């Protein structure tokens, strides 16, 4: 049952899943329980995302001054803004 709990299943849900649909006349209840514990084992859950406070938002690119018109724009590197023509080589 510990494998079920490690996979995030509520203990009450484990009891309901393992005891539902049992036959009226069982000769070997321990065998049925052992089979259900392995055959009905849920898959592993995907890794949980860190809490929102731990996730850092992406910082905006720094402000740069355009080499062509001296207008401020956000870019990871200095250069020209999108309104200026490309610099001649």
N, C-alpha and C. Protein backbone atom coordinates (compact mmCIF):
# COMPACT_ATOMS: atom_id res chain seq x y z
N UNK A 1 0.82 -1.19 0.00
CA UNK A 1 0.00 0.00 0.00
C UNK A 1 0.87 1.26 0.00
N UNK A 2 2.10 1.14 0.47
CA UNK A 2 2.97 2.32 0.50
C UNK A 2 3.25 2.84 -0.91
N UNK A 3 3.33 1.93 -1.89
CA UNK A 3 3.56 2.38 -3.27
C UNK A 3 2.39 3.24 -3.75
N UNK A 4 1.18 2.90 -3.34
CA UNK A 4 0.01 3.69 -3.70
C UNK A 4 0.09 5.08 -3.08
N UNK A 5 0.46 5.13 -1.81
CA UNK A 5 0.52 6.42 -1.12
C UNK A 5 1.64 7.28 -1.67
N UNK A 6 2.76 6.65 -2.06
CA UNK A 6 3.86 7.42 -2.67
C UNK A 6 3.46 8.03 -4.00
N UNK A 7 2.49 7.45 -4.64
CA UNK A 7 2.03 7.97 -5.93
C UNK A 7 0.90 8.97 -5.78
N UNK A 8 0.61 9.39 -4.55
CA UNK A 8 -0.34 10.46 -4.31
C UNK A 8 -1.79 10.04 -4.20
N UNK A 9 -2.07 8.76 -3.98
CA UNK A 9 -3.45 8.31 -3.84
C UNK A 9 -3.87 8.47 -2.39
N UNK A 10 -5.06 9.01 -2.17
CA UNK A 10 -5.63 9.20 -0.83
C UNK A 10 -5.88 7.84 -0.18
N UNK A 11 -5.58 7.67 1.12
CA UNK A 11 -5.81 6.37 1.78
C UNK A 11 -7.25 5.87 1.68
N UNK A 12 -8.22 6.78 1.76
CA UNK A 12 -9.63 6.36 1.62
C UNK A 12 -9.91 5.84 0.21
N UNK A 13 -9.30 6.48 -0.78
CA UNK A 13 -9.49 6.02 -2.17
C UNK A 13 -8.87 4.64 -2.37
N UNK A 14 -7.74 4.38 -1.73
CA UNK A 14 -7.12 3.05 -1.83
C UNK A 14 -8.08 1.99 -1.31
N UNK A 15 -8.69 2.26 -0.17
CA UNK A 15 -9.66 1.31 0.40
C UNK A 15 -10.84 1.08 -0.51
N UNK A 16 -11.36 2.14 -1.10
CA UNK A 16 -12.51 2.00 -2.00
C UNK A 16 -12.13 1.22 -3.25
N UNK A 17 -10.97 1.51 -3.81
CA UNK A 17 -10.54 0.83 -5.05
C UNK A 17 -10.31 -0.65 -4.80
N UNK A 18 -9.65 -0.98 -3.70
CA UNK A 18 -9.32 -2.37 -3.43
C UNK A 18 -10.52 -3.21 -3.00
N UNK A 19 -11.55 -2.55 -2.43
CA UNK A 19 -12.70 -3.32 -1.94
C UNK A 19 -13.92 -3.28 -2.85
N UNK A 20 -13.87 -2.55 -3.93
CA UNK A 20 -15.04 -2.48 -4.80
C UNK A 20 -15.12 -3.71 -5.70
N UNK A 21 -16.32 -4.18 -5.91
CA UNK A 21 -16.56 -5.28 -6.83
C UNK A 21 -16.01 -6.63 -6.38
N UNK A 22 -15.91 -6.83 -5.09
CA UNK A 22 -15.42 -8.13 -4.60
C UNK A 22 -16.51 -9.19 -4.73
N UNK A 23 -16.13 -10.42 -5.02
CA UNK A 23 -17.14 -11.48 -5.10
C UNK A 23 -17.69 -11.80 -3.72
N UNK A 24 -18.93 -12.34 -3.69
CA UNK A 24 -19.58 -12.68 -2.42
C UNK A 24 -18.83 -13.79 -1.70
N UNK A 25 -18.46 -14.83 -2.42
CA UNK A 25 -17.82 -15.99 -1.82
C UNK A 25 -16.36 -16.03 -2.25
N UNK A 26 -15.46 -15.61 -1.34
CA UNK A 26 -14.03 -15.61 -1.64
C UNK A 26 -13.35 -16.70 -0.82
N UNK A 27 -12.54 -17.48 -1.50
CA UNK A 27 -11.80 -18.52 -0.79
C UNK A 27 -10.46 -17.99 -0.28
N UNK A 28 -9.84 -17.11 -1.03
CA UNK A 28 -8.52 -16.58 -0.66
C UNK A 28 -8.51 -15.05 -0.76
N UNK A 29 -9.04 -14.37 0.25
CA UNK A 29 -9.11 -12.90 0.18
C UNK A 29 -7.72 -12.25 0.14
N UNK A 30 -6.74 -12.86 0.80
CA UNK A 30 -5.39 -12.28 0.78
C UNK A 30 -4.80 -12.31 -0.63
N UNK A 31 -5.10 -13.35 -1.37
CA UNK A 31 -4.60 -13.44 -2.76
C UNK A 31 -5.25 -12.39 -3.64
N UNK A 32 -6.55 -12.19 -3.44
CA UNK A 32 -7.26 -11.17 -4.22
C UNK A 32 -6.70 -9.79 -3.90
N UNK A 33 -6.47 -9.52 -2.63
CA UNK A 33 -5.92 -8.24 -2.22
C UNK A 33 -4.51 -8.04 -2.78
N UNK A 34 -3.67 -9.05 -2.71
CA UNK A 34 -2.31 -8.96 -3.25
C UNK A 34 -2.34 -8.71 -4.75
N UNK A 35 -3.25 -9.39 -5.46
CA UNK A 35 -3.36 -9.18 -6.90
C UNK A 35 -3.79 -7.75 -7.21
N UNK A 36 -4.80 -7.26 -6.49
CA UNK A 36 -5.30 -5.91 -6.76
C UNK A 36 -4.27 -4.84 -6.41
N UNK A 37 -3.47 -5.09 -5.38
CA UNK A 37 -2.44 -4.11 -5.02
C UNK A 37 -1.41 -3.92 -6.13
N UNK A 38 -1.13 -4.97 -6.87
CA UNK A 38 -0.15 -4.86 -7.95
C UNK A 38 -0.80 -4.53 -9.31
N UNK A 39 -1.95 -5.16 -9.59
CA UNK A 39 -2.57 -4.99 -10.91
C UNK A 39 -3.22 -3.61 -11.07
N UNK A 40 -3.73 -3.03 -10.00
CA UNK A 40 -4.45 -1.76 -10.08
C UNK A 40 -3.58 -0.57 -9.66
N UNK A 41 -2.28 -0.79 -9.48
CA UNK A 41 -1.38 0.27 -9.06
C UNK A 41 -1.39 1.41 -10.09
N UNK A 42 -1.68 2.64 -9.64
CA UNK A 42 -1.73 3.76 -10.59
C UNK A 42 -0.33 4.13 -11.07
N UNK A 43 -0.24 4.81 -12.22
CA UNK A 43 1.08 5.22 -12.74
C UNK A 43 1.67 6.33 -11.87
N UNK A 44 2.96 6.54 -12.04
CA UNK A 44 3.63 7.63 -11.33
C UNK A 44 3.09 8.96 -11.84
N UNK A 45 2.96 9.92 -10.93
CA UNK A 45 2.53 11.26 -11.31
C UNK A 45 3.72 12.02 -11.90
N UNK A 46 3.46 12.93 -12.83
CA UNK A 46 4.58 13.74 -13.35
C UNK A 46 5.13 14.61 -12.22
N UNK A 47 6.38 15.03 -12.30
CA UNK A 47 6.95 15.87 -11.24
C UNK A 47 6.17 17.16 -11.10
N UNK A 48 5.98 17.56 -9.88
CA UNK A 48 5.20 18.78 -9.60
C UNK A 48 6.02 20.01 -9.93
N UNK A 49 5.35 21.04 -10.39
CA UNK A 49 6.01 22.32 -10.64
C UNK A 49 6.34 22.97 -9.31
N UNK A 50 7.41 23.74 -9.26
CA UNK A 50 7.70 24.44 -8.01
C UNK A 50 6.60 25.45 -7.72
N UNK A 51 6.41 25.83 -6.47
CA UNK A 51 5.37 26.82 -6.16
C UNK A 51 5.63 28.13 -6.90
N UNK A 52 4.58 28.89 -7.16
CA UNK A 52 4.75 30.13 -7.95
C UNK A 52 5.79 31.08 -7.37
N UNK A 53 5.94 31.12 -6.06
CA UNK A 53 6.92 32.03 -5.47
C UNK A 53 8.34 31.62 -5.83
N UNK A 54 8.57 30.32 -6.03
CA UNK A 54 9.91 29.85 -6.36
C UNK A 54 10.24 30.07 -7.83
N UNK A 55 9.22 30.08 -8.68
CA UNK A 55 9.46 30.33 -10.11
C UNK A 55 9.68 31.82 -10.31
N UNK A 56 10.76 32.17 -10.94
CA UNK A 56 11.04 33.58 -11.18
C UNK A 56 10.51 33.97 -12.56
N UNK A 57 9.82 35.09 -12.62
CA UNK A 57 9.38 35.56 -13.94
C UNK A 57 10.59 36.02 -14.75
N UNK A 58 10.47 35.92 -16.05
CA UNK A 58 11.55 36.33 -16.93
C UNK A 58 11.67 37.85 -16.88
N UNK A 59 12.87 38.32 -16.68
CA UNK A 59 13.09 39.76 -16.64
C UNK A 59 13.06 40.32 -18.06
N UNK A 60 12.54 41.52 -18.24
CA UNK A 60 12.54 42.12 -19.58
C UNK A 60 13.95 42.47 -20.01
N UNK A 61 14.13 42.54 -21.31
CA UNK A 61 15.43 42.94 -21.85
C UNK A 61 15.75 44.36 -21.38
N UNK A 62 17.04 44.69 -21.23
CA UNK A 62 17.39 46.05 -20.79
C UNK A 62 17.12 47.07 -21.89
N UNK A 63 16.99 48.30 -21.46
CA UNK A 63 16.80 49.39 -22.42
C UNK A 63 18.13 49.71 -23.10
N UNK A 64 18.07 49.90 -24.42
CA UNK A 64 19.24 50.27 -25.22
C UNK A 64 18.87 51.53 -26.00
N UNK A 65 19.84 52.32 -26.34
CA UNK A 65 19.62 53.47 -27.21
C UNK A 65 19.95 53.06 -28.63
N UNK A 66 19.05 53.39 -29.56
CA UNK A 66 19.25 53.05 -30.96
C UNK A 66 20.46 53.80 -31.50
N UNK A 67 21.29 53.09 -32.26
CA UNK A 67 22.47 53.70 -32.86
C UNK A 67 22.10 54.65 -34.00
N UNK A 68 20.86 54.50 -34.56
CA UNK A 68 20.46 55.33 -35.69
C UNK A 68 19.68 56.56 -35.28
N UNK A 69 18.73 56.43 -34.38
CA UNK A 69 17.86 57.56 -34.05
C UNK A 69 17.90 57.94 -32.58
N UNK A 70 18.68 57.25 -31.78
CA UNK A 70 18.85 57.50 -30.35
C UNK A 70 17.56 57.30 -29.56
N UNK A 71 16.65 56.53 -30.11
CA UNK A 71 15.41 56.20 -29.40
C UNK A 71 15.69 55.01 -28.48
N UNK A 72 15.03 54.96 -27.32
CA UNK A 72 15.20 53.85 -26.39
C UNK A 72 14.33 52.67 -26.84
N UNK A 73 14.89 51.48 -26.75
CA UNK A 73 14.14 50.27 -27.05
C UNK A 73 14.71 49.14 -26.22
N UNK A 74 13.94 48.07 -26.04
CA UNK A 74 14.39 46.93 -25.25
C UNK A 74 15.02 45.88 -26.17
N UNK A 75 16.22 45.45 -25.81
CA UNK A 75 16.94 44.47 -26.60
C UNK A 75 18.02 43.84 -25.72
N UNK A 76 18.35 42.57 -25.97
CA UNK A 76 19.43 41.98 -25.18
C UNK A 76 20.81 42.56 -25.54
N UNK A 77 20.95 43.15 -26.73
CA UNK A 77 22.23 43.72 -27.14
C UNK A 77 22.01 45.07 -27.80
N UNK A 78 23.00 45.96 -27.74
CA UNK A 78 22.85 47.27 -28.41
C UNK A 78 22.75 47.09 -29.93
N UNK A 79 22.18 48.09 -30.58
CA UNK A 79 22.03 48.05 -32.03
C UNK A 79 21.04 49.10 -32.47
N UNK A 80 20.27 48.77 -33.49
CA UNK A 80 19.28 49.70 -34.03
C UNK A 80 17.88 49.22 -33.69
N UNK A 81 16.94 50.16 -33.55
CA UNK A 81 15.55 49.81 -33.27
C UNK A 81 14.92 49.26 -34.55
N UNK A 82 13.73 48.73 -34.44
CA UNK A 82 13.09 48.11 -35.61
C UNK A 82 12.62 49.11 -36.65
N UNK A 83 12.52 50.40 -36.28
CA UNK A 83 12.07 51.40 -37.25
C UNK A 83 13.23 51.95 -38.11
N UNK A 84 14.45 51.77 -37.65
CA UNK A 84 15.61 52.29 -38.41
C UNK A 84 16.08 51.25 -39.42
N UNK A 85 16.60 51.72 -40.57
CA UNK A 85 17.15 50.76 -41.55
C UNK A 85 18.41 50.12 -40.97
N UNK A 86 18.77 48.94 -41.44
CA UNK A 86 19.99 48.29 -40.97
C UNK A 86 21.21 49.14 -41.24
N UNK A 87 22.21 49.04 -40.39
CA UNK A 87 23.43 49.81 -40.54
C UNK A 87 24.20 49.31 -41.76
N UNK A 88 24.84 50.25 -42.49
CA UNK A 88 25.65 49.86 -43.66
C UNK A 88 26.95 49.25 -43.17
N UNK A 89 27.39 48.20 -43.84
CA UNK A 89 28.60 47.48 -43.39
C UNK A 89 29.85 48.20 -43.75
